[in-house]
Amino acid sequence: MIRFLTAGESHGPCLVGILEGMPAGLAISEEEIAVDLRRRQLGYGRGQRMQIESDHARILSGVRYGLTLGSPIALQIENKDWPNWTSQLRADPPPPDERAAPLTTPRPGHADFAGAVKYHHADIRNVIERSSARETAMRVALAAICRKFFREVGMSVGSHVVSIGGAVSTMDVHGISPDEINHRADQNPVRCLDGEVAGQMMAAIDKAQAQGDTVGGAFEIVTWGLSVGVGSHVNYDRRLDAVLAAAIMSIPAVKSVTIGSAGDDANRMGSEVHDRMYPARGGVMRKTNRAGGIEGGMSNGEPLIIRAAMKPLATLGQPLETVDLSSGQPAMALRERSDVCAVPAAAVVGEAMCLLALMNPFLEKFGGDSLLEIMNHLKETPGSAWD
């Protein structure tokens, strides 16, 4: 089974990630991982950090001669901004006159306050560095390996932005492959497939930036090729929608996740909602996919559709009122370099979390210690994409 861990601070020397359980025999390279890292750094409304970083993941272990070994894969991404932070984030105790002044004015909506209280930190810099979305760069790098695995078994995952700052795209992606969705979305500054709405989104970002504010939005993740029966109804922690929702909700600033058209279906009649089934060669067919590819906690063979909503980022150019934790007096929240909008990047991170979350349910059904063994299981399993 797959396990992954990330470590590292936003402005520390590097990010480190370990992916355990990837089957042996998968061809992977640093350049393939770099493709998704570059996609994560795109997007209108990103901050100055993206002008500094040019992320590249170095493979430290688990790969030999371009093939995975079945042993843990370790990756490292250097933080290019680290030289500017060596005195503030050094691991060893600095002389008193070199110690950075503590930050004590938490930002409303961020991890600052709760993290400082939980871990008894007098300096919320200790919270900021790890709670930062910078950590998601390593998730994207690790997930790029999973993406390559799923391509080998006939699956693909893509994403596009559906709303930013009140501008909403109604573009229907039914019948468009995830690879094509990504190809089109990555050519747009906000990763929106509707050019007219994309212009409205960019205008909303410009307005927020001029006001020292931020804007949120929503994105959609589409997966093709997932065989019937991935996940299970037999226990809560094996239900595929629960596994995926937890993964997507772990992305910083994401506050809601829906599967299929669930956001609208709560106010409809059952006869309007459920996807009727009709006989088809070798099984069944459906004319609609309101369930988003999941029924009873299991994949049903239709495209998997996930939509996530992201709140506006908590770091504002015009800070909000807060409390100075050192004095207990009213204060204005700290300013930290940040983005005006990160929805386009969050969509790419959403792909990553979907890929990582799908690995265990998939391996539970079709698993093996090598890619060759898994391919044989797929060909032998009724109802699989290879059946």
Protein backbone atom coordinates (compact mmCIF):
# COMPACT_ATOMS: atom_id res chain seq x y z
CA MET A 1 0.00 0.00 0.00
CA ILE A 2 1.05 3.57 -0.64
CA ARG A 3 2.21 5.93 2.08
CA PHE A 4 3.71 9.36 1.64
CA LEU A 5 5.24 12.00 3.86
CA THR A 6 6.51 15.50 3.24
CA ALA A 7 8.83 17.63 5.35
CA GLY A 8 10.32 21.09 5.15
CA GLU A 9 9.53 24.72 5.82
CA SER A 10 8.41 27.32 3.29
CA HIS A 11 11.68 29.27 3.43
CA GLY A 12 13.90 26.47 4.71
CA PRO A 13 16.69 24.79 2.75
CA CYS A 14 14.42 22.35 0.93
CA LEU A 15 11.29 20.26 0.83
CA VAL A 16 11.65 16.50 1.24
CA GLY A 17 9.16 13.79 0.32
CA ILE A 18 9.00 10.02 0.66
CA LEU A 19 6.65 7.80 -1.36
CA GLU A 20 6.51 4.22 -0.09
CA GLY A 21 4.76 1.35 -1.83
CA MET A 22 5.11 2.31 -5.49
CA PRO A 23 5.36 -0.97 -7.44
CA ALA A 24 8.62 -1.86 -9.12
CA GLY A 25 9.25 -1.51 -12.82
CA LEU A 26 7.67 1.90 -13.44
CA ALA A 27 9.72 4.15 -15.70
CA ILE A 28 10.07 7.64 -14.21
CA SER A 29 12.42 10.57 -14.64
CA GLU A 30 13.08 13.92 -12.98
CA GLU A 31 11.90 15.70 -16.13
CA GLU A 32 8.52 13.97 -16.00
CA ILE A 33 8.11 15.18 -12.41
CA ALA A 34 9.21 18.68 -13.42
CA VAL A 35 6.32 18.98 -15.88
CA ASP A 36 3.73 19.04 -13.10
CA LEU A 37 5.88 21.25 -10.87
CA ARG A 38 5.95 23.84 -13.64
CA ARG A 39 2.17 23.62 -14.01
CA ARG A 40 1.74 24.30 -10.29
CA GLN A 41 3.71 27.54 -10.59
CA LEU A 42 1.47 28.96 -13.33
CA GLY A 43 -1.54 31.18 -12.78
CA TYR A 44 -2.63 34.80 -12.89
CA GLY A 45 -2.50 36.42 -9.46
CA ARG A 46 0.53 34.56 -8.14
CA GLY A 47 2.98 36.43 -5.94
CA GLN A 48 6.68 37.29 -6.16
CA ARG A 49 7.70 33.86 -4.84
CA MET A 50 6.97 32.36 -8.25
CA GLN A 51 9.54 34.71 -9.76
CA ILE A 52 12.18 33.28 -7.45
CA GLU A 53 11.46 29.56 -7.46
CA SER A 54 11.93 27.24 -10.42
CA ASP A 55 11.09 23.96 -8.78
CA HIS A 56 12.95 20.80 -9.67
CA ALA A 57 12.65 17.55 -7.74
CA ARG A 58 15.82 15.53 -7.37
CA ILE A 59 15.34 11.76 -7.04
CA LEU A 60 17.42 10.56 -4.08
CA SER A 61 16.36 6.92 -3.78
CA GLY A 62 14.00 4.22 -4.99
CA VAL A 63 14.83 4.56 -8.70
CA ARG A 64 17.69 2.89 -10.62
CA TYR A 65 18.37 3.24 -14.32
CA GLY A 66 15.05 5.03 -14.72
CA LEU A 67 12.87 2.33 -13.11
CA THR A 68 11.27 2.20 -9.67
CA LEU A 69 12.66 -0.50 -7.40
CA GLY A 70 9.69 -1.10 -5.09
CA SER A 71 11.59 0.55 -2.25
CA PRO A 72 10.75 4.02 -0.84
CA ILE A 73 11.24 6.85 -3.31
CA ALA A 74 12.77 10.00 -1.81
CA LEU A 75 12.60 13.39 -3.51
CA GLN A 76 14.16 16.76 -2.67
CA ILE A 77 13.16 20.22 -3.90
CA GLU A 78 15.54 23.05 -3.06
CA ASN A 79 14.08 26.37 -1.97
CA LYS A 80 15.83 29.06 -3.98
CA ASP A 81 14.83 31.70 -1.41
CA TRP A 82 16.66 29.91 1.42
CA PRO A 83 19.82 32.09 1.28
CA ASN A 84 17.67 35.08 2.27
CA TRP A 85 16.34 33.27 5.34
CA THR A 86 19.36 31.44 6.75
CA SER A 87 19.63 33.63 9.84
CA GLN A 88 15.89 33.55 10.58
CA LEU A 89 15.38 29.80 10.13
CA ARG A 90 18.70 28.28 11.14
CA ALA A 91 18.41 24.99 13.03
CA ASP A 92 21.08 25.73 15.64
CA PRO A 93 20.52 28.44 18.30
CA PRO A 94 21.77 31.84 17.08
CA PRO A 95 23.53 34.43 19.23
CA PRO A 96 20.97 36.68 20.99
CA ASP A 97 21.74 39.65 18.73
CA GLU A 98 21.05 37.56 15.61
CA ARG A 99 17.70 36.15 16.71
CA ALA A 100 14.78 37.38 14.58
CA ALA A 101 12.12 39.45 16.31
CA PRO A 102 9.11 37.24 17.08
CA LEU A 103 5.92 37.63 15.06
CA THR A 104 2.90 37.90 17.36
CA THR A 105 -0.01 39.25 15.27
CA PRO A 106 -1.84 36.28 13.70
CA ARG A 107 -3.75 36.59 10.43
CA PRO A 108 -7.50 35.87 10.65
CA GLY A 109 -8.29 32.81 8.58
CA HIS A 110 -4.77 31.36 8.77
CA ALA A 111 -3.16 28.68 10.95
CA ASP A 112 -1.21 31.31 12.91
CA PHE A 113 -3.37 31.63 16.03
CA ALA A 114 -4.46 28.02 16.53
CA GLY A 115 -0.97 26.71 15.76
CA ALA A 116 0.69 29.09 18.20
CA VAL A 117 -1.71 28.12 20.97
CA LYS A 118 -1.53 24.39 20.22
CA TYR A 119 2.27 24.17 20.17
CA HIS A 120 2.97 26.93 22.74
CA HIS A 121 4.91 29.04 20.26
CA ALA A 122 5.74 32.61 21.23
CA ASP A 123 6.68 33.31 17.59
CA ILE A 124 4.09 32.45 14.94
CA ARG A 125 6.89 32.19 12.37
CA ASN A 126 7.11 28.62 13.70
CA VAL A 127 3.59 28.00 12.42
CA ILE A 128 3.74 30.00 9.20
CA GLU A 129 6.66 28.09 7.74
CA ARG A 130 5.00 24.67 7.80
CA SER A 131 1.36 25.68 7.30
CA SER A 132 2.32 27.50 4.11
CA ALA A 133 0.99 26.09 0.83
CA ARG A 134 4.62 25.90 -0.32
CA GLU A 135 4.50 22.34 1.04
CA THR A 136 2.14 21.34 -1.76
CA ALA A 137 5.02 21.52 -4.25
CA MET A 138 6.27 18.24 -2.83
CA ARG A 139 2.81 16.69 -3.00
CA VAL A 140 2.70 17.56 -6.69
CA ALA A 141 6.14 16.03 -7.22
CA LEU A 142 5.21 12.77 -5.50
CA ALA A 143 1.90 12.64 -7.35
CA ALA A 144 3.68 12.99 -10.69
CA ILE A 145 5.04 9.49 -10.08
CA CYS A 146 1.48 8.27 -9.43
CA ARG A 147 0.33 10.01 -12.62
CA LYS A 148 2.89 8.03 -14.62
CA PHE A 149 1.69 4.81 -12.95
CA PHE A 150 -1.94 5.51 -13.79
CA ARG A 151 -1.09 6.33 -17.39
CA GLU A 152 0.43 2.87 -17.68
CA VAL A 153 -2.88 1.30 -16.55
CA GLY A 154 -5.03 3.48 -18.80
CA MET A 155 -6.12 6.28 -16.45
CA SER A 156 -5.75 10.06 -16.72
CA VAL A 157 -6.53 13.01 -14.43
CA GLY A 158 -7.06 16.66 -15.37
CA SER A 159 -8.48 19.86 -13.90
CA HIS A 160 -9.85 23.27 -14.81
CA VAL A 161 -11.00 26.36 -12.94
CA VAL A 162 -14.74 26.99 -12.86
CA SER A 163 -14.97 30.19 -10.80
CA ILE A 164 -12.86 33.03 -9.39
CA GLY A 165 -14.11 36.12 -7.59
CA GLY A 166 -17.72 35.67 -8.67
CA ALA A 167 -16.95 34.98 -12.36
CA VAL A 168 -18.33 31.51 -13.15
CA SER A 169 -17.71 29.26 -16.15
CA THR A 170 -20.51 26.92 -17.24
CA MET A 171 -18.28 25.10 -19.72
CA ASP A 172 -19.37 21.45 -20.02
CA VAL A 173 -16.36 19.13 -20.16
CA HIS A 174 -18.41 16.01 -20.82
CA GLY A 175 -16.60 13.99 -23.48
CA ILE A 176 -13.33 15.94 -23.18
CA SER A 177 -10.45 13.80 -21.97
CA PRO A 178 -8.48 14.91 -18.91
CA ASP A 179 -5.33 15.27 -21.00
CA GLU A 180 -7.14 17.57 -23.42
CA ILE A 181 -8.65 19.53 -20.51
CA ASN A 182 -5.16 20.11 -19.13
CA HIS A 183 -3.78 21.02 -22.54
CA ARG A 184 -6.41 23.71 -22.97
CA ALA A 185 -6.44 24.90 -19.35
CA ASP A 186 -2.66 25.25 -19.08
CA GLN A 187 -2.67 27.69 -22.00
CA ASN A 188 -4.97 30.07 -20.09
CA PRO A 189 -3.63 32.38 -17.33
CA VAL A 190 -6.37 31.28 -14.90
CA ARG A 191 -6.76 27.72 -16.28
CA CYS A 192 -10.35 28.44 -17.32
CA LEU A 193 -11.69 26.79 -20.49
CA ASP A 194 -14.05 29.68 -21.29
CA GLY A 195 -11.99 32.57 -22.67
CA GLU A 196 -14.63 35.22 -21.99
CA VAL A 197 -15.14 34.16 -18.39
CA ALA A 198 -11.36 33.90 -17.98
CA GLY A 199 -11.14 37.61 -18.74
CA GLN A 200 -13.71 38.31 -16.03
CA MET A 201 -11.71 36.21 -13.58
CA MET A 202 -8.54 38.15 -14.34
CA ALA A 203 -10.41 41.42 -13.87
CA ALA A 204 -11.60 40.22 -10.46
CA ILE A 205 -8.01 39.39 -9.50
CA ASP A 206 -6.81 42.80 -10.67
CA LYS A 207 -9.51 44.52 -8.63
CA ALA A 208 -8.63 42.55 -5.51
CA GLN A 209 -4.95 43.32 -5.93
CA ALA A 210 -5.65 47.05 -6.28
CA GLN A 211 -7.65 46.93 -3.06
CA GLY A 212 -5.04 44.93 -1.15
CA ASP A 213 -7.45 41.99 -1.03
CA THR A 214 -7.65 38.37 -2.20
CA VAL A 215 -10.18 36.24 -4.09
CA GLY A 216 -11.11 32.56 -4.00
CA GLY A 217 -12.96 30.30 -6.39
CA ALA A 218 -13.61 26.71 -7.39
CA PHE A 219 -12.01 24.07 -9.59
CA GLU A 220 -13.01 20.72 -11.02
CA ILE A 221 -10.99 17.51 -11.28
CA VAL A 222 -11.85 14.92 -13.94
CA THR A 223 -10.59 11.31 -14.01
CA TRP A 224 -11.05 8.86 -16.89
CA GLY A 225 -10.38 5.13 -16.98
CA LEU A 226 -11.14 4.15 -13.39
CA SER A 227 -12.49 0.60 -13.43
CA VAL A 228 -15.76 -0.41 -11.77
CA GLY A 229 -15.45 -1.38 -8.11
CA VAL A 230 -12.53 0.70 -6.85
CA GLY A 231 -13.32 1.56 -3.22
CA SER A 232 -15.88 -0.31 -1.12
CA HIS A 233 -19.22 0.04 0.64
CA VAL A 234 -18.31 -2.32 3.48
CA ASN A 235 -16.74 0.20 5.86
CA TYR A 236 -16.58 3.97 6.21
CA ASP A 237 -12.84 4.35 5.65
CA ARG A 238 -12.90 2.38 2.38
CA ARG A 239 -15.59 4.45 0.68
CA LEU A 240 -13.97 6.08 -2.34
CA ASP A 241 -15.78 9.40 -2.01
CA ALA A 242 -14.71 9.67 1.64
CA VAL A 243 -11.08 8.94 0.77
CA LEU A 244 -11.07 11.51 -2.02
CA ALA A 245 -12.89 14.18 -0.01
CA ALA A 246 -10.37 13.90 2.81
CA ALA A 247 -7.48 14.22 0.37
CA ILE A 248 -8.86 17.28 -1.43
CA MET A 249 -9.88 18.95 1.84
CA SER A 250 -6.25 18.67 2.99
CA ILE A 251 -5.26 21.33 0.42
CA PRO A 252 -4.76 24.69 2.17
CA ALA A 253 -7.79 27.03 1.83
CA VAL A 254 -10.06 24.34 0.32
CA LYS A 255 -13.27 24.36 2.35
CA SER A 256 -15.77 22.19 0.46
CA VAL A 257 -15.72 19.17 -1.85
CA THR A 258 -18.56 17.74 -3.92
CA ILE A 259 -18.78 14.68 -6.15
CA GLY A 260 -20.65 14.98 -9.43
CA SER A 261 -23.59 17.40 -9.38
CA ALA A 262 -24.20 16.97 -5.64
CA GLY A 263 -24.16 20.72 -5.07
CA ASP A 264 -27.37 21.06 -7.09
CA ASP A 265 -28.92 17.66 -6.47
CA ALA A 266 -29.82 18.29 -2.84
CA ASN A 267 -32.79 20.35 -4.05
CA ARG A 268 -33.94 17.95 -6.77
CA MET A 269 -36.20 14.90 -6.83
CA GLY A 270 -34.59 11.48 -6.89
CA SER A 271 -36.01 10.78 -10.34
CA GLU A 272 -34.13 13.83 -11.61
CA VAL A 273 -30.84 12.92 -9.96
CA HIS A 274 -29.98 9.26 -10.41
CA ASP A 275 -28.27 8.11 -13.59
CA ARG A 276 -30.49 5.61 -15.36
CA MET A 277 -28.84 2.47 -16.72
CA TYR A 278 -29.43 0.88 -20.12
CA PRO A 279 -28.22 -2.39 -21.65
CA ALA A 280 -25.01 -2.13 -23.61
CA ARG A 281 -22.59 -4.55 -25.17
CA GLY A 282 -20.74 -6.23 -22.34
CA GLY A 283 -22.52 -4.33 -19.54
CA VAL A 284 -24.49 -1.13 -19.04
CA MET A 285 -24.42 2.42 -20.34
CA ARG A 286 -25.59 5.74 -18.92
CA LYS A 287 -26.67 8.94 -20.60
CA THR A 288 -25.86 11.11 -17.57
CA ASN A 289 -23.20 11.16 -14.86
CA ARG A 290 -24.70 13.18 -12.02
CA ALA A 291 -23.20 10.72 -9.53
CA GLY A 292 -19.75 11.83 -10.64
CA GLY A 293 -18.51 8.28 -11.14
CA ILE A 294 -19.14 7.04 -7.60
CA GLU A 295 -22.10 5.07 -6.22
CA GLY A 296 -22.18 3.48 -2.77
CA GLY A 297 -18.56 4.41 -2.10
CA MET A 298 -17.31 2.64 -5.24
CA SER A 299 -16.36 3.71 -8.75
CA ASN A 300 -19.06 2.82 -11.29
CA GLY A 301 -17.02 3.09 -14.48
CA GLU A 302 -18.12 6.61 -15.40
CA PRO A 303 -15.70 9.58 -15.32
CA LEU A 304 -14.87 10.66 -11.79
CA ILE A 305 -15.89 14.30 -11.25
CA ILE A 306 -14.77 16.24 -8.15
CA ARG A 307 -15.38 19.92 -7.50
CA ALA A 308 -13.64 21.88 -4.74
CA ALA A 309 -14.19 25.40 -3.41
CA MET A 310 -11.27 27.48 -2.18
CA LYS A 311 -11.70 30.43 0.16
CA PRO A 312 -9.81 33.71 -0.46
CA LEU A 313 -6.26 33.53 0.89
CA ALA A 314 -5.79 34.81 4.43
CA THR A 315 -2.77 37.04 3.77
CA LEU A 316 -4.05 40.45 2.65
CA GLY A 317 -2.25 43.49 1.33
CA GLN A 318 -4.50 45.51 3.66
CA PRO A 319 -4.31 43.43 6.87
CA LEU A 320 -7.34 42.77 9.07
CA GLU A 321 -7.81 43.48 12.77
CA THR A 322 -6.31 40.95 15.14
CA VAL A 323 -4.83 40.66 18.64
CA ASP A 324 -1.14 40.92 19.52
CA LEU A 325 -0.53 37.62 21.32
CA SER A 326 2.37 39.06 23.32
CA SER A 327 0.43 42.00 24.78
CA GLY A 328 -3.22 41.05 24.38
CA GLN A 329 -3.87 44.40 22.73
CA PRO A 330 -5.65 45.17 19.43
CA ALA A 331 -3.35 45.13 16.42
CA MET A 332 -3.29 44.69 12.67
CA ALA A 333 -2.38 41.28 11.27
CA LEU A 334 1.11 40.68 9.94
CA ARG A 335 1.92 40.99 6.26
CA GLU A 336 3.54 38.03 4.56
CA ARG A 337 4.45 37.71 0.91
CA SER A 338 1.56 35.89 -0.75
CA ASP A 339 -0.67 35.49 -3.79
CA VAL A 340 -3.80 37.45 -4.63
CA CYS A 341 -5.36 34.30 -6.06
CA ALA A 342 -4.07 30.72 -6.09
CA VAL A 343 -7.08 28.88 -7.51
CA PRO A 344 -5.32 27.88 -10.77
CA ALA A 345 -2.41 26.40 -8.81
CA ALA A 346 -4.78 24.75 -6.34
CA ALA A 347 -6.44 22.93 -9.23
CA VAL A 348 -3.10 21.33 -10.10
CA VAL A 349 -2.61 20.42 -6.44
CA GLY A 350 -6.12 18.97 -6.55
CA GLU A 351 -5.03 16.66 -9.37
CA ALA A 352 -2.08 15.62 -7.23
CA MET A 353 -4.18 14.77 -4.19
CA CYS A 354 -6.64 12.86 -6.37
CA LEU A 355 -3.79 10.82 -7.84
CA LEU A 356 -2.27 10.10 -4.43
CA ALA A 357 -5.65 9.22 -2.89
CA LEU A 358 -6.60 6.83 -5.70
CA MET A 359 -3.45 4.74 -5.37
CA ASN A 360 -4.47 2.66 -2.34
CA PRO A 361 -8.04 1.88 -3.42
CA PHE A 362 -6.68 0.93 -6.85
CA LEU A 363 -3.89 -1.25 -5.46
CA GLU A 364 -6.32 -2.87 -3.02
CA LYS A 365 -8.24 -4.21 -6.01
CA PHE A 366 -5.52 -4.74 -8.60
CA GLY A 367 -2.34 -4.69 -6.51
CA GLY A 368 1.00 -6.35 -6.96
CA ASP A 369 4.64 -5.76 -6.21
CA SER A 370 5.53 -4.85 -9.77
CA LEU A 371 3.87 -3.04 -12.66
CA LEU A 372 3.94 -6.25 -14.68
CA GLU A 373 2.05 -8.15 -12.00
CA ILE A 374 -0.58 -5.38 -11.75
CA MET A 375 -1.07 -5.33 -15.53
CA ASN A 376 -1.72 -9.09 -15.44
CA HIS A 377 -4.25 -8.64 -12.63
CA LEU A 378 -6.05 -5.96 -14.63
CA LYS A 379 -6.34 -8.19 -17.68
CA GLU A 380 -7.72 -11.03 -15.54
CA THR A 381 -10.28 -8.97 -13.59
CA PRO A 382 -13.87 -8.81 -14.94
CA GLY A 383 -15.15 -5.24 -15.22
CA SER A 384 -11.72 -3.66 -15.33
CA ALA A 385 -10.68 -1.11 -17.92
CA TRP A 386 -8.67 -3.89 -19.53
CA ASP A 387 -11.50 -6.45 -19.57
